[in-house]
Structure formats: C-alpha cells, structure tokens
C-alpha cells in the first residue's frame, strides 16, 4: 500500500488523521462526519499499516539519500569553518545527526500516542465492544500501537571525511 498523504503527515509530525474526523467516526456528534466506529477503526489500522510499510518495504532509500546529501553539505561547511577558524570544530554534523535521530523518535512517539488515544476510544465504543470480531481487532490494534518498532537508521549516517 503506497503511503500517500498519511506518510507525509507522519513525517511532518502531524496527526495521521485529524481529530475531528476521528471523533466524528468513533464518538459521534460531529457535523459532516458519519458516525461509523468500524470506519474509524479502519483509519487507526491504516495509520499502523503506513508505519509498518516503512519497515517492511524499506522505502527509506530516498530519505537516506536526501539526508546523506544534506550531511555532505553540512560536512563541507564544517571543513570550510575549520579552515577559516584555525581548525576549530563546528560540530554541526554531530548536532544534525542528533536532531534527526530525535525527529525519528518523535515521529514514533506521536504516532503511538495518536494510535493509543483512538484504540482506547474504540475499546469504550459499544459498536465495537459489542461485536466480538471488532473488539478483537481493536484490542490487536491497541497491542500493536503499544509495541511500535523504531525506524531503522542503518545507512542514514555514513562516515564523512
């Protein structure tokens, strides 16, 4: 499943699906959104599928290329800085790498928080808990969000001269 806009939302640290859309589907009472808890549960599943897609299909080749090219530019700027400042280290690459690693962790944390919010709502929704198959799916989703994998950063930080 290609990730489309939802993957962009995750990378941009935005909600996978907007709160109003989710509230309307799962809780009800929101204008312009049909109260449909199973459809809301499907959105929770889709966001998890996108996260897993990043792990299983390894579409990280393009971000790795972009990040490593950007790192090369940072390293080039560092070498220039070192030349004109008598060898004094800039440490910009070190800070960028730390920032990027934290960004990946925040992506996971935000998706996990979002998913657990909505799985807990699903597990309190009569239209879900009164149908054993739906309840089992919601519980499996809750378990999956509680054990999200970190994004593998192998290949993101190649050594630079």
N, C-alpha and C. Protein backbone atom coordinates (compact mmCIF):
# COMPACT_ATOMS: atom_id res chain seq x y z
N UNK A 1 0.84 -1.18 0.00
CA UNK A 1 0.00 0.00 0.00
C UNK A 1 0.88 1.23 0.00
N UNK A 2 0.86 2.05 -1.03
CA UNK A 2 1.65 3.26 -1.01
C UNK A 2 1.14 4.20 0.07
N UNK A 3 2.04 4.87 0.78
CA UNK A 3 1.63 5.63 1.95
C UNK A 3 0.89 6.93 1.63
N UNK A 4 1.16 7.57 0.51
CA UNK A 4 0.45 8.79 0.15
C UNK A 4 0.53 9.87 1.19
N UNK A 5 -0.56 10.59 1.37
CA UNK A 5 -0.58 11.74 2.25
C UNK A 5 -0.38 11.38 3.71
N UNK A 6 -0.80 10.23 4.14
CA UNK A 6 -0.67 9.86 5.55
C UNK A 6 0.80 9.72 5.93
N UNK A 7 1.61 9.15 5.05
CA UNK A 7 3.04 9.06 5.32
C UNK A 7 3.63 10.45 5.46
N UNK A 8 3.20 11.36 4.60
CA UNK A 8 3.69 12.74 4.70
C UNK A 8 3.28 13.35 6.02
N UNK A 9 2.07 13.04 6.49
CA UNK A 9 1.62 13.56 7.79
C UNK A 9 2.51 13.05 8.91
N UNK A 10 2.86 11.78 8.85
CA UNK A 10 3.71 11.20 9.89
C UNK A 10 5.09 11.85 9.87
N UNK A 11 5.67 12.02 8.67
CA UNK A 11 6.99 12.65 8.56
C UNK A 11 6.94 14.12 8.98
N UNK A 12 5.80 14.77 8.78
CA UNK A 12 5.65 16.18 9.15
C UNK A 12 5.25 16.34 10.62
N UNK A 13 5.21 15.23 11.35
CA UNK A 13 4.84 15.21 12.76
C UNK A 13 3.42 15.70 13.00
N UNK A 14 2.55 15.44 12.05
CA UNK A 14 1.13 15.79 12.17
C UNK A 14 0.34 14.53 12.52
N UNK A 15 -0.92 14.72 12.90
CA UNK A 15 -1.76 13.56 13.17
C UNK A 15 -1.99 12.79 11.88
N UNK A 16 -2.04 11.47 12.00
CA UNK A 16 -2.27 10.64 10.82
C UNK A 16 -3.62 10.97 10.19
N UNK A 17 -4.63 11.14 11.01
CA UNK A 17 -5.96 11.57 10.57
C UNK A 17 -6.44 12.61 11.58
N UNK A 18 -7.11 13.64 11.13
CA UNK A 18 -7.48 14.74 12.01
C UNK A 18 -8.41 14.30 13.13
N UNK A 19 -8.27 14.98 14.27
CA UNK A 19 -9.06 14.66 15.45
C UNK A 19 -10.55 14.76 15.20
N UNK A 20 -11.01 15.80 14.51
CA UNK A 20 -12.44 15.96 14.25
C UNK A 20 -13.00 14.81 13.43
N UNK A 21 -12.24 14.39 12.43
CA UNK A 21 -12.64 13.26 11.61
C UNK A 21 -12.76 12.00 12.46
N UNK A 22 -11.78 11.78 13.31
CA UNK A 22 -11.77 10.59 14.16
C UNK A 22 -12.89 10.65 15.18
N UNK A 23 -13.06 11.81 15.83
CA UNK A 23 -14.12 11.94 16.83
C UNK A 23 -15.49 11.68 16.21
N UNK A 24 -15.71 12.24 15.05
CA UNK A 24 -16.99 12.04 14.39
C UNK A 24 -17.26 10.59 14.07
N UNK A 25 -16.25 9.90 13.59
CA UNK A 25 -16.44 8.49 13.22
C UNK A 25 -16.60 7.59 14.45
N UNK A 26 -15.75 7.79 15.46
CA UNK A 26 -15.73 6.87 16.59
C UNK A 26 -16.71 7.28 17.69
N UNK A 27 -16.70 8.56 18.08
CA UNK A 27 -17.52 9.01 19.20
C UNK A 27 -18.89 9.49 18.73
N UNK A 28 -18.93 10.18 17.59
CA UNK A 28 -20.19 10.68 17.04
C UNK A 28 -20.45 12.11 17.47
N UNK A 29 -21.50 12.69 16.90
CA UNK A 29 -21.90 14.04 17.27
C UNK A 29 -21.16 15.16 16.58
N UNK A 30 -20.34 14.86 15.58
CA UNK A 30 -19.61 15.89 14.84
C UNK A 30 -20.30 16.04 13.48
N UNK A 31 -20.65 17.28 13.17
CA UNK A 31 -21.32 17.54 11.88
C UNK A 31 -20.39 17.18 10.72
N UNK A 32 -20.98 16.77 9.63
CA UNK A 32 -20.30 16.47 8.37
C UNK A 32 -19.46 15.19 8.41
N UNK A 33 -19.47 14.46 9.52
CA UNK A 33 -18.74 13.20 9.59
C UNK A 33 -19.72 12.13 10.06
N UNK A 34 -19.83 11.07 9.30
CA UNK A 34 -20.75 9.98 9.63
C UNK A 34 -20.22 9.19 10.81
N UNK A 35 -21.06 8.99 11.82
CA UNK A 35 -20.68 8.17 12.97
C UNK A 35 -20.59 6.72 12.49
N UNK A 36 -19.39 6.22 12.43
CA UNK A 36 -19.13 4.88 11.90
C UNK A 36 -17.88 4.32 12.58
N UNK A 37 -18.03 3.79 13.81
CA UNK A 37 -16.85 3.29 14.52
C UNK A 37 -16.00 2.29 13.75
N UNK A 38 -16.60 1.33 13.00
CA UNK A 38 -15.73 0.43 12.23
C UNK A 38 -14.87 1.18 11.20
N UNK A 39 -15.42 2.24 10.59
CA UNK A 39 -14.62 3.04 9.65
C UNK A 39 -13.51 3.78 10.39
N UNK A 40 -13.81 4.27 11.60
CA UNK A 40 -12.77 4.90 12.42
C UNK A 40 -11.68 3.90 12.78
N UNK A 41 -12.10 2.68 13.10
CA UNK A 41 -11.13 1.64 13.41
C UNK A 41 -10.26 1.35 12.19
N UNK A 42 -10.84 1.41 11.00
CA UNK A 42 -10.06 1.20 9.79
C UNK A 42 -9.01 2.29 9.61
N UNK A 43 -9.34 3.53 9.97
CA UNK A 43 -8.34 4.62 9.89
C UNK A 43 -7.20 4.38 10.86
N UNK A 44 -7.51 3.88 12.05
CA UNK A 44 -6.46 3.55 13.03
C UNK A 44 -5.57 2.45 12.47
N UNK A 45 -6.18 1.47 11.81
CA UNK A 45 -5.41 0.38 11.19
C UNK A 45 -4.54 0.89 10.06
N UNK A 46 -5.09 1.80 9.25
CA UNK A 46 -4.32 2.33 8.11
C UNK A 46 -3.06 3.07 8.55
N UNK A 47 -3.19 3.86 9.61
CA UNK A 47 -2.01 4.58 10.10
C UNK A 47 -0.93 3.59 10.56
N UNK A 48 -1.34 2.53 11.22
CA UNK A 48 -0.40 1.50 11.64
C UNK A 48 0.22 0.81 10.43
N UNK A 49 -0.58 0.57 9.40
CA UNK A 49 -0.09 -0.06 8.17
C UNK A 49 0.98 0.80 7.52
N UNK A 50 0.78 2.10 7.52
CA UNK A 50 1.77 3.02 6.94
C UNK A 50 3.09 2.90 7.70
N UNK A 51 3.01 2.88 9.03
CA UNK A 51 4.23 2.76 9.84
C UNK A 51 4.95 1.46 9.51
N UNK A 52 4.20 0.39 9.45
CA UNK A 52 4.80 -0.92 9.14
C UNK A 52 5.36 -0.95 7.73
N UNK A 53 4.70 -0.26 6.81
CA UNK A 53 5.17 -0.20 5.43
C UNK A 53 6.58 0.37 5.40
N UNK A 54 6.85 1.37 6.24
CA UNK A 54 8.19 1.94 6.30
C UNK A 54 9.22 0.91 6.72
N UNK A 55 8.84 -0.05 7.53
CA UNK A 55 9.77 -1.08 8.00
C UNK A 55 9.90 -2.23 7.02
N UNK A 56 8.76 -2.70 6.52
CA UNK A 56 8.77 -3.93 5.73
C UNK A 56 9.17 -3.70 4.27
N UNK A 57 8.75 -2.59 3.69
CA UNK A 57 9.05 -2.33 2.28
C UNK A 57 10.33 -1.52 2.10
N UNK A 58 10.86 -1.05 3.19
CA UNK A 58 12.09 -0.26 3.19
C UNK A 58 12.07 0.88 2.17
N UNK A 59 11.06 1.76 2.21
CA UNK A 59 11.04 2.88 1.28
C UNK A 59 11.93 4.03 1.75
N UNK A 60 12.81 3.74 2.68
CA UNK A 60 13.63 4.80 3.25
C UNK A 60 14.82 5.16 2.37
N UNK A 61 14.95 4.52 1.20
CA UNK A 61 16.07 4.82 0.32
C UNK A 61 16.14 6.28 -0.05
N UNK A 62 15.02 6.87 -0.41
CA UNK A 62 15.02 8.28 -0.80
C UNK A 62 15.36 9.19 0.38
N UNK A 63 14.71 9.03 1.55
CA UNK A 63 15.13 9.87 2.68
C UNK A 63 16.59 9.67 3.06
N UNK A 64 17.10 8.43 2.97
CA UNK A 64 18.51 8.19 3.27
C UNK A 64 19.38 8.98 2.31
N UNK A 65 19.04 8.97 1.03
CA UNK A 65 19.81 9.71 0.03
C UNK A 65 19.77 11.20 0.33
N UNK A 66 18.59 11.73 0.61
CA UNK A 66 18.45 13.16 0.90
C UNK A 66 19.23 13.53 2.16
N UNK A 67 19.06 12.74 3.22
CA UNK A 67 19.75 13.03 4.49
C UNK A 67 21.26 12.97 4.30
N UNK A 68 21.74 11.95 3.60
CA UNK A 68 23.19 11.83 3.43
C UNK A 68 23.76 12.92 2.53
N UNK A 69 23.01 13.36 1.51
CA UNK A 69 23.47 14.50 0.71
C UNK A 69 23.50 15.77 1.55
N UNK A 70 22.48 15.96 2.37
CA UNK A 70 22.46 17.12 3.26
C UNK A 70 23.63 17.06 4.25
N UNK A 71 23.91 15.87 4.76
CA UNK A 71 25.05 15.70 5.67
C UNK A 71 26.36 16.04 4.98
N UNK A 72 26.49 15.67 3.69
CA UNK A 72 27.69 16.03 2.94
C UNK A 72 27.85 17.54 2.85
N UNK A 73 26.74 18.24 2.62
CA UNK A 73 26.79 19.70 2.57
C UNK A 73 27.17 20.29 3.92
N UNK A 74 26.62 19.74 4.97
CA UNK A 74 26.98 20.22 6.32
C UNK A 74 28.46 19.98 6.57
N UNK A 75 28.94 18.79 6.20
CA UNK A 75 30.37 18.48 6.43
C UNK A 75 31.26 19.41 5.61
N UNK A 76 30.85 19.73 4.39
CA UNK A 76 31.61 20.67 3.56
C UNK A 76 31.67 22.04 4.24
N UNK A 77 30.55 22.47 4.79
CA UNK A 77 30.53 23.75 5.51
C UNK A 77 31.40 23.68 6.76
N UNK A 78 31.39 22.55 7.44
CA UNK A 78 32.25 22.39 8.62
C UNK A 78 33.73 22.49 8.25
N UNK A 79 34.11 21.84 7.15
CA UNK A 79 35.52 21.90 6.72
C UNK A 79 35.91 23.34 6.41
N UNK A 80 35.02 24.08 5.76
CA UNK A 80 35.28 25.49 5.47
C UNK A 80 35.45 26.27 6.78
N UNK A 81 34.56 26.05 7.72
CA UNK A 81 34.62 26.72 9.02
C UNK A 81 35.95 26.41 9.72
N UNK A 82 36.34 25.13 9.69
CA UNK A 82 37.60 24.72 10.33
C UNK A 82 38.80 25.39 9.69
N UNK A 83 38.74 25.55 8.34
CA UNK A 83 39.86 26.21 7.64
C UNK A 83 39.99 27.67 8.05
N UNK A 84 38.89 28.37 8.14
CA UNK A 84 38.98 29.81 8.42
C UNK A 84 39.02 30.13 9.91
N UNK A 85 38.83 29.11 10.77
CA UNK A 85 38.89 29.33 12.22
C UNK A 85 39.97 28.47 12.87
N UNK A 86 41.08 28.33 12.17
CA UNK A 86 42.27 27.65 12.71
C UNK A 86 41.98 26.26 13.28
N UNK A 87 41.18 25.48 12.56
CA UNK A 87 40.93 24.09 12.95
C UNK A 87 39.87 23.92 14.03
N UNK A 88 39.26 24.99 14.45
CA UNK A 88 38.21 24.89 15.47
C UNK A 88 37.01 24.10 14.92
N UNK A 89 36.52 23.14 15.67
CA UNK A 89 35.43 22.26 15.22
C UNK A 89 34.08 22.98 15.31
N UNK A 90 33.27 22.76 14.28
CA UNK A 90 31.92 23.36 14.26
C UNK A 90 30.88 22.43 14.90
N UNK A 91 31.06 21.13 14.76
CA UNK A 91 30.14 20.12 15.31
C UNK A 91 28.72 20.21 14.76
N UNK A 92 28.53 20.83 13.63
CA UNK A 92 27.19 20.95 13.06
C UNK A 92 26.65 19.58 12.65
N UNK A 93 27.50 18.74 12.10
CA UNK A 93 27.06 17.41 11.67
C UNK A 93 26.62 16.57 12.87
N UNK A 94 27.38 16.66 13.94
CA UNK A 94 27.03 15.94 15.16
C UNK A 94 25.65 16.37 15.65
N UNK A 95 25.39 17.68 15.63
CA UNK A 95 24.10 18.21 16.08
C UNK A 95 22.97 17.83 15.12
N UNK A 96 23.24 17.86 13.83
CA UNK A 96 22.22 17.46 12.86
C UNK A 96 21.84 16.00 13.06
N UNK A 97 22.85 15.13 13.20
CA UNK A 97 22.58 13.70 13.37
C UNK A 97 21.74 13.46 14.63
N UNK A 98 22.08 14.16 15.71
CA UNK A 98 21.31 14.02 16.95
C UNK A 98 19.88 14.52 16.74
N UNK A 99 19.73 15.66 16.07
CA UNK A 99 18.39 16.20 15.80
C UNK A 99 17.57 15.23 14.96
N UNK A 100 18.16 14.66 13.91
CA UNK A 100 17.42 13.77 13.04
C UNK A 100 17.00 12.50 13.78
N UNK A 101 17.87 11.97 14.60
CA UNK A 101 17.53 10.78 15.38
C UNK A 101 16.36 11.09 16.31
N UNK A 102 16.39 12.24 16.94
CA UNK A 102 15.29 12.63 17.82
C UNK A 102 14.00 12.81 17.02
N UNK A 103 14.11 13.37 15.84
CA UNK A 103 12.92 13.55 14.99
C UNK A 103 12.27 12.20 14.68
N UNK A 104 13.08 11.19 14.37
CA UNK A 104 12.53 9.86 14.11
C UNK A 104 11.85 9.30 15.36
N UNK A 105 12.45 9.53 16.52
CA UNK A 105 11.85 9.06 17.77
C UNK A 105 10.54 9.78 18.04
N UNK A 106 10.49 11.09 17.77
CA UNK A 106 9.27 11.86 17.98
C UNK A 106 8.18 11.39 17.02
N UNK A 107 8.54 11.05 15.78
CA UNK A 107 7.56 10.51 14.84
C UNK A 107 6.89 9.28 15.44
N UNK A 108 7.70 8.38 15.94
CA UNK A 108 7.17 7.15 16.54
C UNK A 108 6.31 7.48 17.75
N UNK A 109 6.80 8.35 18.63
CA UNK A 109 6.06 8.69 19.85
C UNK A 109 4.71 9.33 19.54
N UNK A 110 4.68 10.24 18.56
CA UNK A 110 3.42 10.89 18.21
C UNK A 110 2.42 9.91 17.61
N UNK A 111 2.91 9.04 16.73
CA UNK A 111 2.00 8.05 16.15
C UNK A 111 1.50 7.10 17.22
N UNK A 112 2.38 6.70 18.11
CA UNK A 112 1.98 5.81 19.21
C UNK A 112 0.92 6.47 20.09
N UNK A 113 1.14 7.72 20.46
CA UNK A 113 0.17 8.45 21.28
C UNK A 113 -1.16 8.58 20.57
N UNK A 114 -1.11 8.94 19.28
CA UNK A 114 -2.33 9.07 18.48
C UNK A 114 -3.07 7.74 18.42
N UNK A 115 -2.35 6.67 18.10
CA UNK A 115 -2.97 5.35 17.97
C UNK A 115 -3.57 4.88 19.28
N UNK A 116 -2.86 5.07 20.39
CA UNK A 116 -3.39 4.62 21.68
C UNK A 116 -4.60 5.45 22.11
N UNK A 117 -4.62 6.73 21.75
CA UNK A 117 -5.80 7.54 22.06
C UNK A 117 -7.04 6.93 21.40
N UNK A 118 -6.88 6.61 20.11
CA UNK A 118 -8.05 6.14 19.37
C UNK A 118 -8.37 4.67 19.63
N UNK A 119 -7.37 3.85 19.94
CA UNK A 119 -7.71 2.47 20.30
C UNK A 119 -8.42 2.44 21.65
N UNK A 120 -8.04 3.33 22.58
CA UNK A 120 -8.75 3.37 23.87
C UNK A 120 -10.19 3.82 23.66
N UNK A 121 -10.42 4.78 22.75
CA UNK A 121 -11.79 5.19 22.43
C UNK A 121 -12.56 4.04 21.79
N UNK A 122 -11.93 3.33 20.89
CA UNK A 122 -12.59 2.19 20.25
C UNK A 122 -13.00 1.15 21.28
N UNK A 123 -12.13 0.91 22.25
CA UNK A 123 -12.39 -0.12 23.26
C UNK A 123 -13.43 0.32 24.29
N UNK A 124 -13.95 1.54 24.16
CA UNK A 124 -15.06 2.01 25.01
C UNK A 124 -16.32 2.24 24.18
N UNK A 125 -16.26 1.98 22.89
CA UNK A 125 -17.38 2.27 21.98
C UNK A 125 -18.26 1.03 21.85
N UNK A 126 -19.55 1.15 22.22
CA UNK A 126 -20.43 -0.02 22.14
C UNK A 126 -20.47 -0.69 20.76
N UNK A 127 -20.43 0.08 19.70
CA UNK A 127 -20.48 -0.52 18.35
C UNK A 127 -19.26 -1.39 18.07
N UNK A 128 -18.21 -1.23 18.83
CA UNK A 128 -17.00 -2.05 18.67
C UNK A 128 -16.99 -3.18 19.70
N UNK A 129 -17.17 -2.84 20.97
CA UNK A 129 -17.01 -3.87 22.01
C UNK A 129 -18.15 -4.88 22.04
N UNK A 130 -19.30 -4.53 21.44
CA UNK A 130 -20.42 -5.47 21.41
C UNK A 130 -20.35 -6.43 20.22
N UNK A 131 -19.38 -6.27 19.37
CA UNK A 131 -19.17 -7.19 18.24
C UNK A 131 -17.81 -7.86 18.48
N UNK A 132 -17.81 -9.13 18.85
CA UNK A 132 -16.55 -9.79 19.22
C UNK A 132 -15.42 -9.63 18.19
N UNK A 133 -15.72 -9.71 16.92
CA UNK A 133 -14.66 -9.57 15.91
C UNK A 133 -14.07 -8.16 15.94
N UNK A 134 -14.93 -7.14 16.03
CA UNK A 134 -14.44 -5.76 16.11
C UNK A 134 -13.62 -5.53 17.38
N UNK A 135 -14.12 -6.08 18.50
CA UNK A 135 -13.41 -5.92 19.77
C UNK A 135 -12.02 -6.54 19.68
N UNK A 136 -11.92 -7.71 19.05
CA UNK A 136 -10.62 -8.38 18.90
C UNK A 136 -9.68 -7.56 18.02
N UNK A 137 -10.22 -7.00 16.95
CA UNK A 137 -9.40 -6.17 16.07
C UNK A 137 -8.91 -4.94 16.83
N UNK A 138 -9.81 -4.28 17.56
CA UNK A 138 -9.42 -3.08 18.32
C UNK A 138 -8.36 -3.42 19.36
N UNK A 139 -8.50 -4.56 20.03
CA UNK A 139 -7.50 -4.97 21.03
C UNK A 139 -6.16 -5.26 20.36
N UNK A 140 -6.18 -5.92 19.20
CA UNK A 140 -4.94 -6.17 18.46
C UNK A 140 -4.27 -4.88 18.03
N UNK A 141 -5.08 -3.91 17.59
CA UNK A 141 -4.52 -2.60 17.22
C UNK A 141 -3.88 -1.92 18.42
N UNK A 142 -4.57 -1.98 19.57
CA UNK A 142 -4.04 -1.39 20.79
C UNK A 142 -2.70 -2.03 21.14
N UNK A 143 -2.63 -3.35 21.08
CA UNK A 143 -1.38 -4.05 21.37
C UNK A 143 -0.28 -3.65 20.38
N UNK A 144 -0.64 -3.52 19.12
CA UNK A 144 0.34 -3.15 18.10
C UNK A 144 0.88 -1.75 18.34
N UNK A 145 0.01 -0.81 18.69
CA UNK A 145 0.48 0.56 18.96
C UNK A 145 1.35 0.62 20.21
N UNK A 146 1.13 -0.29 21.13
CA UNK A 146 1.95 -0.32 22.35
C UNK A 146 3.34 -0.89 22.09
N UNK A 147 3.56 -1.48 20.93
CA UNK A 147 4.85 -2.10 20.64
C UNK A 147 5.39 -1.69 19.27
N UNK A 148 5.23 -0.41 18.91
CA UNK A 148 5.76 0.06 17.63
C UNK A 148 7.27 -0.05 17.59
N UNK A 149 7.79 -0.45 16.45
CA UNK A 149 9.25 -0.51 16.25
C UNK A 149 9.80 0.88 15.96
N UNK A 150 11.05 1.08 16.34
CA UNK A 150 11.77 2.30 15.96
C UNK A 150 12.08 2.21 14.47
N UNK A 151 12.26 3.34 13.80
CA UNK A 151 12.70 3.33 12.40
C UNK A 151 14.17 2.95 12.38
N UNK A 152 14.50 1.99 11.55
CA UNK A 152 15.89 1.55 11.40
C UNK A 152 16.68 2.65 10.69
N UNK A 153 17.73 3.12 11.34
CA UNK A 153 18.52 4.21 10.77
C UNK A 153 19.80 3.70 10.10
N UNK A 154 19.91 2.40 9.87
CA UNK A 154 21.07 1.85 9.19
C UNK A 154 21.19 2.52 7.81
N UNK A 155 22.36 3.08 7.53
CA UNK A 155 22.59 3.72 6.25
C UNK A 155 22.30 5.21 6.24
N UNK A 156 21.72 5.73 7.32
CA UNK A 156 21.44 7.17 7.37
C UNK A 156 22.69 7.99 7.69
N UNK A 157 23.60 7.41 8.43
CA UNK A 157 24.73 8.19 8.94
C UNK A 157 26.06 7.64 8.44
N UNK A 158 26.30 7.74 7.16
CA UNK A 158 27.57 7.24 6.64
C UNK A 158 28.71 8.13 7.11
N UNK A 159 29.88 7.52 7.38
CA UNK A 159 31.04 8.32 7.83
C UNK A 159 31.48 9.31 6.74
N UNK A 160 31.79 10.52 7.14
CA UNK A 160 32.24 11.54 6.18
C UNK A 160 33.61 12.04 6.60
N UNK A 161 34.47 12.32 5.61
CA UNK A 161 35.82 12.82 5.95
C UNK A 161 35.77 14.23 6.52
